[in-house]
Amino acid sequence: MKPIRCPWPAGKALDEKYHDEEWGVPLHDDRKLFEFIVLDTFQAGLSWSTILNKRENFREAFDNFDPEKIARYGEDKIAELLQNKGIIRNRLKIRATVTNAQAFLKIRKEYGSFDAFIWQFTGGRPKVNHWKTSDEVPVSTPESDAMSKALKARGFKFVGTTICYAFMQAAGMVNDHLVRCFRYGEGISR
């Protein structure tokens, strides 16, 4: 029997795998949190399916999302990335990724981990929502507003409130699986 999912994967195999295994699972690994910020930066204005289909290309192009390496990218590396047909070749987003890596490292140094900084916006625990339909799911919240403001104040780019909320959903800071979705009650909100 086919499981009942949130509607957004829309029967696409890669989207379903991401929904079933990653989306909404509380994440506390700094490298993975940085990966999600990078991917959400590139997703701005595009579909999430586009990003998932290019995810492995991004991983290869951006040194497995290693913020220490990305923070040191110079003009030669940026030019190389702009020629990489496997990723989204947007100059502003590529430069933002370098800037964000530098800002990420500063936050990690100040807080001991990026995880300690980012989870403060939900009080250190996932916020469990009880949405019945996709129409109820917000695109931003006061928490994502605060996160956006704090990240921008620390030098991050492409971190508007909508991107921050998408990041919060992906990183499991909020459980936005619909209540009828098989993932909603699987204990992913711990």
Protein backbone atom coordinates (compact mmCIF):
# COMPACT_ATOMS: atom_id res chain seq x y z
CA MET A 1 0.00 0.00 0.00
CA LYS A 2 1.32 3.42 -0.98
CA PRO A 3 1.99 5.67 2.02
CA ILE A 4 0.12 8.94 2.39
CA ARG A 5 2.59 11.81 1.98
CA CYS A 6 2.50 15.55 1.99
CA PRO A 7 1.42 16.56 -1.53
CA TRP A 8 4.51 18.55 -2.54
CA PRO A 9 6.68 15.60 -3.73
CA ALA A 10 3.95 15.06 -6.36
CA GLY A 11 5.02 11.51 -7.23
CA LYS A 12 8.59 12.48 -8.19
CA ALA A 13 10.94 9.75 -6.97
CA LEU A 14 13.78 12.02 -5.83
CA ASP A 15 11.39 14.42 -4.10
CA GLU A 16 9.65 11.50 -2.36
CA LYS A 17 12.97 10.08 -1.15
CA TYR A 18 13.97 13.50 0.23
CA HIS A 19 10.54 13.93 1.88
CA ASP A 20 10.61 10.43 3.36
CA GLU A 21 14.19 10.44 4.64
CA GLU A 22 15.37 14.01 5.27
CA TRP A 23 12.78 16.78 5.20
CA GLY A 24 11.66 17.72 8.68
CA VAL A 25 14.13 15.49 10.52
CA PRO A 26 15.83 17.54 13.27
CA LEU A 27 19.35 18.25 12.08
CA HIS A 28 22.25 19.17 14.34
CA ASP A 29 25.29 18.48 12.13
CA ASP A 30 27.00 21.75 11.20
CA ARG A 31 28.17 20.55 7.78
CA LYS A 32 24.68 19.36 6.86
CA LEU A 33 23.13 22.60 8.15
CA PHE A 34 25.52 24.52 5.93
CA GLU A 35 24.59 22.30 2.97
CA PHE A 36 20.93 23.16 3.50
CA ILE A 37 21.72 26.89 3.61
CA VAL A 38 23.66 26.60 0.35
CA LEU A 39 20.88 24.65 -1.35
CA ASP A 40 18.20 27.03 -0.07
CA THR A 41 20.24 29.97 -1.38
CA PHE A 42 20.26 28.45 -4.85
CA GLN A 43 16.61 27.44 -4.62
CA ALA A 44 15.46 31.08 -4.36
CA GLY A 45 13.13 31.63 -7.31
CA LEU A 46 13.35 28.01 -8.48
CA SER A 47 11.61 24.76 -7.66
CA TRP A 48 13.00 22.47 -4.99
CA SER A 49 12.92 19.63 -7.55
CA THR A 50 15.43 21.56 -9.66
CA ILE A 51 17.80 21.74 -6.70
CA LEU A 52 17.35 18.09 -5.71
CA ASN A 53 18.12 17.03 -9.28
CA LYS A 54 21.38 18.99 -9.15
CA ARG A 55 22.26 18.24 -5.52
CA GLU A 56 25.10 15.83 -6.26
CA ASN A 57 26.54 18.29 -8.78
CA PHE A 58 26.43 20.99 -6.10
CA ARG A 59 28.11 18.64 -3.62
CA GLU A 60 30.95 17.99 -6.06
CA ALA A 61 31.29 21.61 -7.22
CA PHE A 62 31.27 23.03 -3.68
CA ASP A 63 33.76 20.63 -2.05
CA ASN A 64 31.13 18.57 -0.26
CA PHE A 65 29.75 21.78 1.29
CA ASP A 66 32.90 22.27 3.37
CA PRO A 67 32.56 25.85 4.71
CA GLU A 68 36.30 26.13 5.43
CA LYS A 69 37.15 25.45 1.78
CA ILE A 70 34.30 27.53 0.36
CA ALA A 71 35.23 30.52 2.55
CA ARG A 72 38.59 30.63 0.73
CA TYR A 73 37.21 30.56 -2.82
CA GLY A 74 38.74 33.26 -4.96
CA GLU A 75 37.93 34.68 -8.37
CA ASP A 76 39.36 31.68 -10.25
CA LYS A 77 37.10 29.25 -8.40
CA ILE A 78 34.09 31.53 -8.86
CA ALA A 79 34.82 31.71 -12.60
CA GLU A 80 35.07 27.91 -12.70
CA LEU A 81 31.72 27.56 -10.93
CA LEU A 82 30.10 29.97 -13.38
CA GLN A 83 31.07 27.56 -16.19
CA ASN A 84 29.73 24.46 -14.38
CA LYS A 85 26.58 23.38 -16.25
CA GLY A 86 25.69 20.94 -13.47
CA ILE A 87 24.76 23.67 -11.00
CA ILE A 88 22.75 26.89 -11.05
CA ARG A 89 25.19 29.36 -12.61
CA ASN A 90 24.07 32.51 -10.87
CA ARG A 91 26.94 34.86 -10.03
CA LEU A 92 25.13 36.48 -7.07
CA LYS A 93 24.22 33.13 -5.52
CA ILE A 94 27.73 31.74 -6.00
CA ARG A 95 29.28 34.82 -4.39
CA ALA A 96 26.67 34.66 -1.62
CA THR A 97 27.73 31.09 -0.91
CA VAL A 98 31.31 32.21 -0.36
CA THR A 99 30.18 35.11 1.83
CA ASN A 100 27.84 32.81 3.75
CA ALA A 101 30.64 30.31 4.37
CA GLN A 102 32.75 33.09 5.89
CA ALA A 103 29.83 34.26 8.06
CA PHE A 104 29.03 30.66 9.03
CA LEU A 105 32.58 30.15 10.31
CA LYS A 106 32.40 33.34 12.39
CA ILE A 107 29.14 32.20 14.00
CA ARG A 108 30.58 28.76 14.67
CA LYS A 109 33.58 30.34 16.36
CA GLU A 110 31.38 32.63 18.47
CA TYR A 111 28.81 30.00 19.51
CA GLY A 112 30.92 26.84 19.45
CA SER A 113 28.75 25.48 16.64
CA PHE A 114 26.37 26.80 14.04
CA ASP A 115 23.84 24.38 15.48
CA ALA A 116 23.86 26.21 18.84
CA PHE A 117 23.20 29.50 17.07
CA ILE A 118 20.52 28.41 14.62
CA TRP A 119 18.38 26.33 16.97
CA GLN A 120 17.89 29.28 19.32
CA PHE A 121 15.13 30.49 16.98
CA THR A 122 12.90 27.58 18.02
CA GLY A 123 14.07 27.41 21.63
CA GLY A 124 16.35 24.44 20.91
CA ARG A 125 13.43 22.15 20.02
CA PRO A 126 11.36 21.52 16.91
CA LYS A 127 8.07 23.34 16.70
CA VAL A 128 5.39 20.78 15.88
CA ASN A 129 2.62 22.14 13.71
CA HIS A 130 -0.71 20.47 13.05
CA TRP A 131 -1.52 21.39 9.47
CA LYS A 132 -4.35 19.56 7.72
CA THR A 133 -3.85 21.11 4.28
CA SER A 134 -0.93 22.60 2.39
CA ASP A 135 -2.76 25.92 2.27
CA GLU A 136 -2.34 26.25 6.03
CA VAL A 137 1.47 25.98 5.90
CA PRO A 138 3.00 29.47 6.14
CA VAL A 139 5.86 30.72 4.00
CA SER A 140 7.32 32.63 6.94
CA THR A 141 6.82 33.03 10.68
CA PRO A 142 8.04 35.39 13.39
CA GLU A 143 10.82 32.83 14.04
CA SER A 144 11.97 32.87 10.42
CA ASP A 145 11.77 36.69 10.47
CA ALA A 146 14.08 36.74 13.50
CA MET A 147 16.44 34.19 11.93
CA SER A 148 16.63 36.19 8.70
CA LYS A 149 17.36 39.40 10.55
CA ALA A 150 20.07 37.76 12.68
CA LEU A 151 21.75 36.05 9.73
CA LYS A 152 21.73 39.25 7.67
CA ALA A 153 23.21 41.16 10.60
CA ARG A 154 26.07 38.63 10.60
CA GLY A 155 26.73 39.09 6.88
CA PHE A 156 24.67 36.32 5.26
CA LYS A 157 23.14 36.89 1.82
CA PHE A 158 20.00 35.33 0.27
CA VAL A 159 18.50 34.64 3.68
CA GLY A 160 15.13 36.33 3.51
CA THR A 161 12.38 35.12 5.80
CA THR A 162 10.89 32.75 3.21
CA ILE A 163 14.27 31.10 2.58
CA CYS A 164 14.82 30.89 6.33
CA TYR A 165 11.45 29.20 6.81
CA ALA A 166 12.23 26.69 4.05
CA PHE A 167 15.53 26.02 5.85
CA MET A 168 13.69 25.54 9.16
CA GLN A 169 11.37 23.02 7.51
CA ALA A 170 14.23 21.12 5.89
CA ALA A 171 16.36 21.07 9.05
CA GLY A 172 13.47 19.85 11.20
CA MET A 173 13.27 23.00 13.25
CA VAL A 174 9.57 22.89 12.43
CA ASN A 175 7.51 19.81 11.63
CA ASP A 176 5.38 20.90 8.71
CA HIS A 177 4.40 17.43 7.55
CA LEU A 178 0.64 17.41 7.24
CA VAL A 179 -1.07 15.46 10.01
CA ARG A 180 -2.22 12.79 7.53
CA CYS A 181 1.34 12.27 6.22
CA PHE A 182 2.98 9.04 7.36
CA ARG A 183 6.06 11.04 8.41
CA TYR A 184 4.14 13.29 10.78
CA GLY A 185 3.78 10.78 13.59
CA GLU A 186 7.05 8.93 13.19
CA GLY A 187 8.81 10.71 16.00
CA ILE A 188 10.82 12.97 13.74
CA SER A 189 9.92 15.89 15.97
CA ARG A 190 12.27 14.91 18.76
